[in-house]
All heavy atoms as atom14 arrays in JSON, in Angstrom:
{
  "sequence": "DLPQQTPAFANVFNVVDSYDTHARIPNHFQACDKASKAA",
  "atom14_mask": [
    [1, 1, 1, 1, 1, 1, 1, 1, 0, 0, 0, 0, 0, 0],
    [1, 1, 1, 1, 1, 1, 1, 1, 0, 0, 0, 0, 0, 0],
    [1, 1, 1, 1, 1, 1, 1, 0, 0, 0, 0, 0, 0, 0],
    [1, 1, 1, 1, 1, 1, 1, 1, 1, 0, 0, 0, 0, 0],
    [1, 1, 1, 1, 1, 1, 1, 1, 1, 0, 0, 0, 0, 0],
    [1, 1, 1, 1, 1, 1, 1, 0, 0, 0, 0, 0, 0, 0],
    [1, 1, 1, 1, 1, 1, 1, 0, 0, 0, 0, 0, 0, 0],
    [1, 1, 1, 1, 1, 0, 0, 0, 0, 0, 0, 0, 0, 0],
    [1, 1, 1, 1, 1, 1, 1, 1, 1, 1, 1, 0, 0, 0],
    [1, 1, 1, 1, 1, 0, 0, 0, 0, 0, 0, 0, 0, 0],
    [1, 1, 1, 1, 1, 1, 1, 1, 0, 0, 0, 0, 0, 0],
    [1, 1, 1, 1, 1, 1, 1, 0, 0, 0, 0, 0, 0, 0],
    [1, 1, 1, 1, 1, 1, 1, 1, 1, 1, 1, 0, 0, 0],
    [1, 1, 1, 1, 1, 1, 1, 1, 0, 0, 0, 0, 0, 0],
    [1, 1, 1, 1, 1, 1, 1, 0, 0, 0, 0, 0, 0, 0],
    [1, 1, 1, 1, 1, 1, 1, 0, 0, 0, 0, 0, 0, 0],
    [1, 1, 1, 1, 1, 1, 1, 1, 0, 0, 0, 0, 0, 0],
    [1, 1, 1, 1, 1, 1, 0, 0, 0, 0, 0, 0, 0, 0],
    [1, 1, 1, 1, 1, 1, 1, 1, 1, 1, 1, 1, 0, 0],
    [1, 1, 1, 1, 1, 1, 1, 1, 0, 0, 0, 0, 0, 0],
    [1, 1, 1, 1, 1, 1, 1, 0, 0, 0, 0, 0, 0, 0],
    [1, 1, 1, 1, 1, 1, 1, 1, 1, 1, 0, 0, 0, 0],
    [1, 1, 1, 1, 1, 0, 0, 0, 0, 0, 0, 0, 0, 0],
    [1, 1, 1, 1, 1, 1, 1, 1, 1, 1, 1, 0, 0, 0],
    [1, 1, 1, 1, 1, 1, 1, 1, 0, 0, 0, 0, 0, 0],
    [1, 1, 1, 1, 1, 1, 1, 0, 0, 0, 0, 0, 0, 0],
    [1, 1, 1, 1, 1, 1, 1, 1, 0, 0, 0, 0, 0, 0],
    [1, 1, 1, 1, 1, 1, 1, 1, 1, 1, 0, 0, 0, 0],
    [1, 1, 1, 1, 1, 1, 1, 1, 1, 1, 1, 0, 0, 0],
    [1, 1, 1, 1, 1, 1, 1, 1, 1, 0, 0, 0, 0, 0],
    [1, 1, 1, 1, 1, 0, 0, 0, 0, 0, 0, 0, 0, 0],
    [1, 1, 1, 1, 1, 1, 0, 0, 0, 0, 0, 0, 0, 0],
    [1, 1, 1, 1, 1, 1, 1, 1, 0, 0, 0, 0, 0, 0],
    [1, 1, 1, 1, 1, 1, 1, 1, 1, 0, 0, 0, 0, 0],
    [1, 1, 1, 1, 1, 0, 0, 0, 0, 0, 0, 0, 0, 0],
    [1, 1, 1, 1, 1, 1, 0, 0, 0, 0, 0, 0, 0, 0],
    [1, 1, 1, 1, 1, 1, 1, 1, 1, 0, 0, 0, 0, 0],
    [1, 1, 1, 1, 1, 0, 0, 0, 0, 0, 0, 0, 0, 0],
    [1, 1, 1, 1, 1, 0, 0, 0, 0, 0, 0, 0, 0, 0]
  ],
  "atom14_positions": [
    [[-14.81, -39.54, -11.37], [-13.57, -38.79, -11.56], [-12.31, -39.51, -11.01], [-11.4, -39.86, -11.73], [-13.67, -37.39, -11.04], [-14.67, -36.55, -11.7], [-14.88, -36.75, -12.89], [-15.2, -35.61, -11.02], [0.0, 0.0, 0.0], [0.0, 0.0, 0.0], [0.0, 0.0, 0.0], [0.0, 0.0, 0.0], [0.0, 0.0, 0.0], [0.0, 0.0, 0.0]],
    [[-12.3, -39.65, -9.69], [-11.13, -40.09, -9.03], [-10.66, -41.49, -9.36], [-9.43, -41.77, -9.45], [-11.3, -40.04, -7.52], [-11.52, -38.54, -7.01], [-11.67, -38.54, -5.47], [-10.27, -37.69, -7.31], [0.0, 0.0, 0.0], [0.0, 0.0, 0.0], [0.0, 0.0, 0.0], [0.0, 0.0, 0.0], [0.0, 0.0, 0.0], [0.0, 0.0, 0.0]],
    [[-11.54, -42.45, -9.72], [-11.0, -43.8, -10.05], [-10.15, -43.75, -11.29], [-9.23, -44.61, -11.41], [-12.34, -44.56, -10.32], [-13.34, -43.94, -9.46], [-12.99, -42.49, -9.45], [0.0, 0.0, 0.0], [0.0, 0.0, 0.0], [0.0, 0.0, 0.0], [0.0, 0.0, 0.0], [0.0, 0.0, 0.0], [0.0, 0.0, 0.0], [0.0, 0.0, 0.0]],
    [[-10.37, -42.74, -12.18], [-9.53, -42.59, -13.36], [-8.38, -41.62, -13.13], [-7.25, -41.88, -13.46], [-10.33, -42.19, -14.53], [-11.19, -43.28, -15.19], [-12.37, -43.58, -14.43], [-13.13, -42.64, -13.86], [-12.74, -44.91, -14.22], [0.0, 0.0, 0.0], [0.0, 0.0, 0.0], [0.0, 0.0, 0.0], [0.0, 0.0, 0.0], [0.0, 0.0, 0.0]],
    [[-8.76, -40.55, -12.51], [-7.79, -39.38, -12.31], [-6.59, -39.72, -11.43], [-5.42, -39.44, -11.8], [-8.49, -38.18, -11.71], [-9.23, -37.39, -12.76], [-9.89, -36.08, -12.12], [-9.69, -35.85, -10.94], [-10.39, -35.26, -13.03], [0.0, 0.0, 0.0], [0.0, 0.0, 0.0], [0.0, 0.0, 0.0], [0.0, 0.0, 0.0], [0.0, 0.0, 0.0]],
    [[-6.9, -40.34, -10.23], [-5.79, -40.5, -9.31], [-4.72, -41.42, -9.75], [-3.51, -41.05, -9.76], [-6.33, -40.95, -7.95], [-7.46, -40.18, -7.54], [-5.27, -40.94, -6.88], [0.0, 0.0, 0.0], [0.0, 0.0, 0.0], [0.0, 0.0, 0.0], [0.0, 0.0, 0.0], [0.0, 0.0, 0.0], [0.0, 0.0, 0.0], [0.0, 0.0, 0.0]],
    [[-5.01, -42.59, -10.33], [-3.94, -43.5, -10.89], [-3.17, -42.76, -12.04], [-1.96, -42.92, -12.18], [-4.64, -44.73, -11.32], [-5.89, -44.75, -10.56], [-6.31, -43.29, -10.38], [0.0, 0.0, 0.0], [0.0, 0.0, 0.0], [0.0, 0.0, 0.0], [0.0, 0.0, 0.0], [0.0, 0.0, 0.0], [0.0, 0.0, 0.0], [0.0, 0.0, 0.0]],
    [[-3.92, -42.01, -12.85], [-3.32, -41.31, -13.99], [-2.35, -40.28, -13.53], [-1.2, -40.24, -14.06], [-4.37, -40.78, -14.92], [0.0, 0.0, 0.0], [0.0, 0.0, 0.0], [0.0, 0.0, 0.0], [0.0, 0.0, 0.0], [0.0, 0.0, 0.0], [0.0, 0.0, 0.0], [0.0, 0.0, 0.0], [0.0, 0.0, 0.0], [0.0, 0.0, 0.0]],
    [[-2.69, -39.46, -12.65], [-1.83, -38.42, -12.14], [-0.73, -38.91, -11.24], [0.35, -38.34, -11.11], [-2.61, -37.28, -11.47], [-3.32, -36.35, -12.38], [-4.68, -36.43, -12.59], [-2.58, -35.43, -13.14], [-5.29, -35.61, -13.47], [-3.27, -34.58, -14.0], [-4.58, -34.62, -14.21], [0.0, 0.0, 0.0], [0.0, 0.0, 0.0], [0.0, 0.0, 0.0]],
    [[-1.01, -40.03, -10.6], [0.03, -40.67, -9.71], [1.23, -41.16, -10.5], [2.28, -41.41, -9.93], [-0.56, -41.81, -8.94], [0.0, 0.0, 0.0], [0.0, 0.0, 0.0], [0.0, 0.0, 0.0], [0.0, 0.0, 0.0], [0.0, 0.0, 0.0], [0.0, 0.0, 0.0], [0.0, 0.0, 0.0], [0.0, 0.0, 0.0], [0.0, 0.0, 0.0]],
    [[1.11, -41.3, -11.86], [2.2, -41.61, -12.73], [3.19, -40.49, -12.82], [4.35, -40.71, -13.3], [1.68, -42.01, -14.07], [1.33, -43.42, -14.16], [2.11, -44.32, -13.84], [0.12, -43.77, -14.68], [0.0, 0.0, 0.0], [0.0, 0.0, 0.0], [0.0, 0.0, 0.0], [0.0, 0.0, 0.0], [0.0, 0.0, 0.0], [0.0, 0.0, 0.0]],
    [[2.79, -39.29, -12.38], [3.58, -38.1, -12.62], [3.83, -37.33, -11.37], [5.02, -36.89, -11.09], [2.93, -37.16, -13.63], [3.71, -35.87, -13.87], [2.67, -37.9, -14.94], [0.0, 0.0, 0.0], [0.0, 0.0, 0.0], [0.0, 0.0, 0.0], [0.0, 0.0, 0.0], [0.0, 0.0, 0.0], [0.0, 0.0, 0.0], [0.0, 0.0, 0.0]],
    [[2.85, -37.15, -10.53], [2.88, -36.28, -9.39], [2.75, -37.06, -8.03], [2.2, -38.16, -8.06], [1.72, -35.3, -9.33], [1.7, -34.36, -10.5], [0.88, -34.57, -11.62], [2.53, -33.21, -10.55], [0.84, -33.74, -12.67], [2.41, -32.31, -11.59], [1.65, -32.6, -12.68], [0.0, 0.0, 0.0], [0.0, 0.0, 0.0], [0.0, 0.0, 0.0]],
    [[3.18, -36.54, -6.97], [2.6, -36.84, -5.63], [1.17, -36.31, -5.68], [0.91, -35.22, -6.15], [3.41, -36.2, -4.53], [4.78, -36.66, -4.32], [5.01, -37.85, -4.3], [5.72, -35.72, -4.24], [0.0, 0.0, 0.0], [0.0, 0.0, 0.0], [0.0, 0.0, 0.0], [0.0, 0.0, 0.0], [0.0, 0.0, 0.0], [0.0, 0.0, 0.0]],
    [[0.25, -37.15, -5.24], [-1.17, -36.76, -5.28], [-1.85, -37.03, -3.96], [-1.41, -37.94, -3.19], [-1.9, -37.49, -6.42], [-1.34, -37.13, -7.77], [-1.9, -39.02, -6.19], [0.0, 0.0, 0.0], [0.0, 0.0, 0.0], [0.0, 0.0, 0.0], [0.0, 0.0, 0.0], [0.0, 0.0, 0.0], [0.0, 0.0, 0.0], [0.0, 0.0, 0.0]],
    [[-2.93, -36.33, -3.71], [-3.8, -36.49, -2.61], [-5.2, -36.5, -3.1], [-5.55, -35.57, -3.92], [-3.59, -35.45, -1.49], [-4.61, -35.57, -0.35], [-2.17, -35.45, -0.98], [0.0, 0.0, 0.0], [0.0, 0.0, 0.0], [0.0, 0.0, 0.0], [0.0, 0.0, 0.0], [0.0, 0.0, 0.0], [0.0, 0.0, 0.0], [0.0, 0.0, 0.0]],
    [[-6.07, -37.43, -2.64], [-7.47, -37.36, -3.0], [-8.37, -37.65, -1.81], [-7.9, -38.02, -0.74], [-7.77, -38.27, -4.24], [-7.92, -39.72, -3.93], [-8.15, -40.08, -2.68], [-7.95, -40.6, -4.8], [0.0, 0.0, 0.0], [0.0, 0.0, 0.0], [0.0, 0.0, 0.0], [0.0, 0.0, 0.0], [0.0, 0.0, 0.0], [0.0, 0.0, 0.0]],
    [[-9.68, -37.52, -2.03], [-10.66, -37.73, -0.95], [-11.64, -38.8, -1.4], [-12.8, -38.72, -1.02], [-11.39, -36.39, -0.66], [-12.07, -35.89, -1.77], [0.0, 0.0, 0.0], [0.0, 0.0, 0.0], [0.0, 0.0, 0.0], [0.0, 0.0, 0.0], [0.0, 0.0, 0.0], [0.0, 0.0, 0.0], [0.0, 0.0, 0.0], [0.0, 0.0, 0.0]],
    [[-11.15, -39.8, -2.09], [-11.96, -40.91, -2.56], [-12.76, -41.49, -1.4], [-12.13, -41.95, -0.4], [-11.13, -42.01, -3.24], [-11.88, -43.1, -3.87], [-12.6, -42.91, -5.03], [-11.99, -44.32, -3.26], [-13.31, -43.89, -5.65], [-12.7, -45.35, -3.83], [-13.38, -45.17, -4.96], [-14.12, -46.23, -5.55], [0.0, 0.0, 0.0], [0.0, 0.0, 0.0]],
    [[-14.06, -41.58, -1.47], [-14.86, -41.94, -0.26], [-15.87, -43.12, -0.54], [-16.79, -43.26, 0.29], [-15.58, -40.76, 0.34], [-16.66, -40.17, -0.61], [-16.78, -40.7, -1.76], [-17.37, -39.23, -0.19], [0.0, 0.0, 0.0], [0.0, 0.0, 0.0], [0.0, 0.0, 0.0], [0.0, 0.0, 0.0], [0.0, 0.0, 0.0], [0.0, 0.0, 0.0]],
    [[-15.71, -43.85, -1.58], [-16.52, -45.07, -1.81], [-15.92, -46.22, -0.93], [-15.06, -46.87, -1.47], [-16.63, -45.36, -3.26], [-17.13, -44.27, -3.94], [-17.69, -46.56, -3.46], [0.0, 0.0, 0.0], [0.0, 0.0, 0.0], [0.0, 0.0, 0.0], [0.0, 0.0, 0.0], [0.0, 0.0, 0.0], [0.0, 0.0, 0.0], [0.0, 0.0, 0.0]],
    [[-16.32, -46.29, 0.29], [-15.57, -47.21, 1.27], [-15.39, -48.56, 0.75], [-14.32, -49.2, 0.89], [-16.33, -47.29, 2.53], [-16.32, -46.03, 3.34], [-15.52, -45.83, 4.48], [-17.0, -44.82, 3.21], [-15.7, -44.63, 4.94], [-16.6, -43.97, 4.19], [0.0, 0.0, 0.0], [0.0, 0.0, 0.0], [0.0, 0.0, 0.0], [0.0, 0.0, 0.0]],
    [[-16.38, -49.21, 0.06], [-16.33, -50.59, -0.37], [-15.26, -50.78, -1.39], [-14.84, -51.87, -1.63], [-17.73, -51.06, -0.8], [0.0, 0.0, 0.0], [0.0, 0.0, 0.0], [0.0, 0.0, 0.0], [0.0, 0.0, 0.0], [0.0, 0.0, 0.0], [0.0, 0.0, 0.0], [0.0, 0.0, 0.0], [0.0, 0.0, 0.0], [0.0, 0.0, 0.0]],
    [[-14.93, -49.78, -2.2], [-14.02, -49.87, -3.28], [-12.67, -49.31, -3.05], [-11.78, -49.2, -3.97], [-14.65, -49.3, -4.57], [-15.97, -49.91, -4.95], [-16.34, -49.58, -6.41], [-15.4, -50.02, -7.41], [-15.31, -51.3, -7.82], [-16.12, -52.24, -7.42], [-14.39, -51.55, -8.73], [0.0, 0.0, 0.0], [0.0, 0.0, 0.0], [0.0, 0.0, 0.0]],
    [[-12.4, -48.89, -1.8], [-11.09, -48.37, -1.45], [-9.95, -49.33, -1.74], [-8.9, -48.95, -2.23], [-11.03, -47.77, -0.04], [-11.86, -46.48, 0.1], [-9.66, -47.62, 0.47], [-12.0, -45.95, 1.53], [0.0, 0.0, 0.0], [0.0, 0.0, 0.0], [0.0, 0.0, 0.0], [0.0, 0.0, 0.0], [0.0, 0.0, 0.0], [0.0, 0.0, 0.0]],
    [[-10.08, -50.66, -1.35], [-8.96, -51.51, -1.69], [-8.58, -51.57, -3.2], [-7.44, -51.6, -3.55], [-9.54, -52.94, -1.22], [-10.49, -52.54, -0.11], [-11.13, -51.3, -0.62], [0.0, 0.0, 0.0], [0.0, 0.0, 0.0], [0.0, 0.0, 0.0], [0.0, 0.0, 0.0], [0.0, 0.0, 0.0], [0.0, 0.0, 0.0], [0.0, 0.0, 0.0]],
    [[-9.58, -51.53, -4.1], [-9.29, -51.55, -5.5], [-8.59, -50.3, -5.89], [-7.68, -50.25, -6.72], [-10.58, -51.7, -6.32], [-11.23, -53.09, -6.13], [-10.57, -54.03, -5.71], [-12.52, -53.17, -6.41], [0.0, 0.0, 0.0], [0.0, 0.0, 0.0], [0.0, 0.0, 0.0], [0.0, 0.0, 0.0], [0.0, 0.0, 0.0], [0.0, 0.0, 0.0]],
    [[-9.06, -49.17, -5.4], [-8.46, -47.85, -5.69], [-7.02, -47.84, -5.19], [-6.15, -47.3, -5.85], [-9.32, -46.75, -5.04], [-8.99, -45.33, -5.41], [-8.94, -44.89, -6.78], [-8.66, -44.27, -4.71], [-8.62, -43.66, -6.79], [-8.46, -43.26, -5.53], [0.0, 0.0, 0.0], [0.0, 0.0, 0.0], [0.0, 0.0, 0.0], [0.0, 0.0, 0.0]],
    [[-6.8, -48.34, -3.99], [-5.46, -48.39, -3.42], [-4.53, -49.17, -4.34], [-3.39, -48.65, -4.63], [-5.51, -49.04, -2.06], [-4.19, -49.03, -1.37], [-3.92, -48.11, -0.38], [-3.22, -50.0, -1.61], [-2.71, -48.11, 0.29], [-2.07, -50.04, -0.9], [-1.75, -49.1, 0.01], [0.0, 0.0, 0.0], [0.0, 0.0, 0.0], [0.0, 0.0, 0.0]],
    [[-4.9, -50.29, -4.82], [-4.07, -51.16, -5.63], [-3.71, -50.39, -6.95], [-2.51, -50.41, -7.32], [-4.72, -52.46, -5.95], [-4.86, -53.37, -4.79], [-5.55, -54.68, -5.1], [-5.94, -54.89, -6.27], [-5.72, -55.54, -4.12], [0.0, 0.0, 0.0], [0.0, 0.0, 0.0], [0.0, 0.0, 0.0], [0.0, 0.0, 0.0], [0.0, 0.0, 0.0]],
    [[-4.66, -49.73, -7.57], [-4.37, -49.05, -8.8], [-3.4, -47.88, -8.61], [-2.49, -47.63, -9.39], [-5.65, -48.48, -9.41], [0.0, 0.0, 0.0], [0.0, 0.0, 0.0], [0.0, 0.0, 0.0], [0.0, 0.0, 0.0], [0.0, 0.0, 0.0], [0.0, 0.0, 0.0], [0.0, 0.0, 0.0], [0.0, 0.0, 0.0], [0.0, 0.0, 0.0]],
    [[-3.63, -47.2, -7.52], [-2.74, -45.98, -7.21], [-1.37, -46.41, -6.72], [-0.3, -45.75, -7.1], [-3.39, -45.08, -6.14], [-4.94, -44.38, -6.72], [0.0, 0.0, 0.0], [0.0, 0.0, 0.0], [0.0, 0.0, 0.0], [0.0, 0.0, 0.0], [0.0, 0.0, 0.0], [0.0, 0.0, 0.0], [0.0, 0.0, 0.0], [0.0, 0.0, 0.0]],
    [[-1.3, -47.51, -6.04], [0.02, -47.99, -5.53], [0.96, -48.36, -6.68], [2.13, -48.04, -6.69], [-0.24, -49.2, -4.6], [1.04, -49.68, -3.83], [1.63, -48.78, -3.25], [1.35, -50.81, -3.85], [0.0, 0.0, 0.0], [0.0, 0.0, 0.0], [0.0, 0.0, 0.0], [0.0, 0.0, 0.0], [0.0, 0.0, 0.0], [0.0, 0.0, 0.0]],
    [[0.37, -49.07, -7.68], [1.17, -49.49, -8.78], [1.69, -48.26, -9.52], [2.88, -48.25, -9.93], [0.26, -50.31, -9.8], [1.02, -50.79, -11.03], [0.14, -51.71, -11.89], [0.84, -52.13, -13.11], [-0.08, -52.96, -14.02], [0.0, 0.0, 0.0], [0.0, 0.0, 0.0], [0.0, 0.0, 0.0], [0.0, 0.0, 0.0], [0.0, 0.0, 0.0]],
    [[0.81, -47.26, -9.79], [1.22, -46.05, -10.52], [2.33, -45.22, -9.76], [3.33, -44.82, -10.29], [0.1, -45.2, -10.82], [0.0, 0.0, 0.0], [0.0, 0.0, 0.0], [0.0, 0.0, 0.0], [0.0, 0.0, 0.0], [0.0, 0.0, 0.0], [0.0, 0.0, 0.0], [0.0, 0.0, 0.0], [0.0, 0.0, 0.0], [0.0, 0.0, 0.0]],
    [[2.13, -45.07, -8.45], [3.03, -44.25, -7.63], [4.4, -44.97, -7.47], [5.41, -44.25, -7.58], [2.4, -44.0, -6.26], [1.3, -43.12, -6.28], [0.0, 0.0, 0.0], [0.0, 0.0, 0.0], [0.0, 0.0, 0.0], [0.0, 0.0, 0.0], [0.0, 0.0, 0.0], [0.0, 0.0, 0.0], [0.0, 0.0, 0.0], [0.0, 0.0, 0.0]],
    [[4.41, -46.22, -7.3], [5.7, -46.95, -7.15], [6.51, -46.86, -8.44], [7.73, -46.66, -8.44], [5.46, -48.37, -6.79], [5.05, -48.53, -5.31], [4.86, -49.99, -4.95], [4.59, -50.17, -3.42], [4.24, -51.56, -3.07], [0.0, 0.0, 0.0], [0.0, 0.0, 0.0], [0.0, 0.0, 0.0], [0.0, 0.0, 0.0], [0.0, 0.0, 0.0]],
    [[5.81, -46.94, -9.58], [6.44, -46.84, -10.84], [7.06, -45.44, -11.02], [8.19, -45.27, -11.65], [5.52, -47.15, -11.99], [0.0, 0.0, 0.0], [0.0, 0.0, 0.0], [0.0, 0.0, 0.0], [0.0, 0.0, 0.0], [0.0, 0.0, 0.0], [0.0, 0.0, 0.0], [0.0, 0.0, 0.0], [0.0, 0.0, 0.0], [0.0, 0.0, 0.0]],
    [[6.51, -44.42, -10.52], [6.93, -43.04, -10.72], [7.83, -42.59, -9.55], [8.46, -41.52, -9.68], [5.72, -42.1, -10.72], [0.0, 0.0, 0.0], [0.0, 0.0, 0.0], [0.0, 0.0, 0.0], [0.0, 0.0, 0.0], [0.0, 0.0, 0.0], [0.0, 0.0, 0.0], [0.0, 0.0, 0.0], [0.0, 0.0, 0.0], [0.0, 0.0, 0.0]]
  ]
}
């Protein structure tokens, strides 16, 4: 869910998630950072 949902909703809202796949947090961060900065 969250790998798709968080970047998608970050284009519109302030968002908070509990993404907990430790090894993939850097990738998740990059995707969300791009979306949030644009919005």
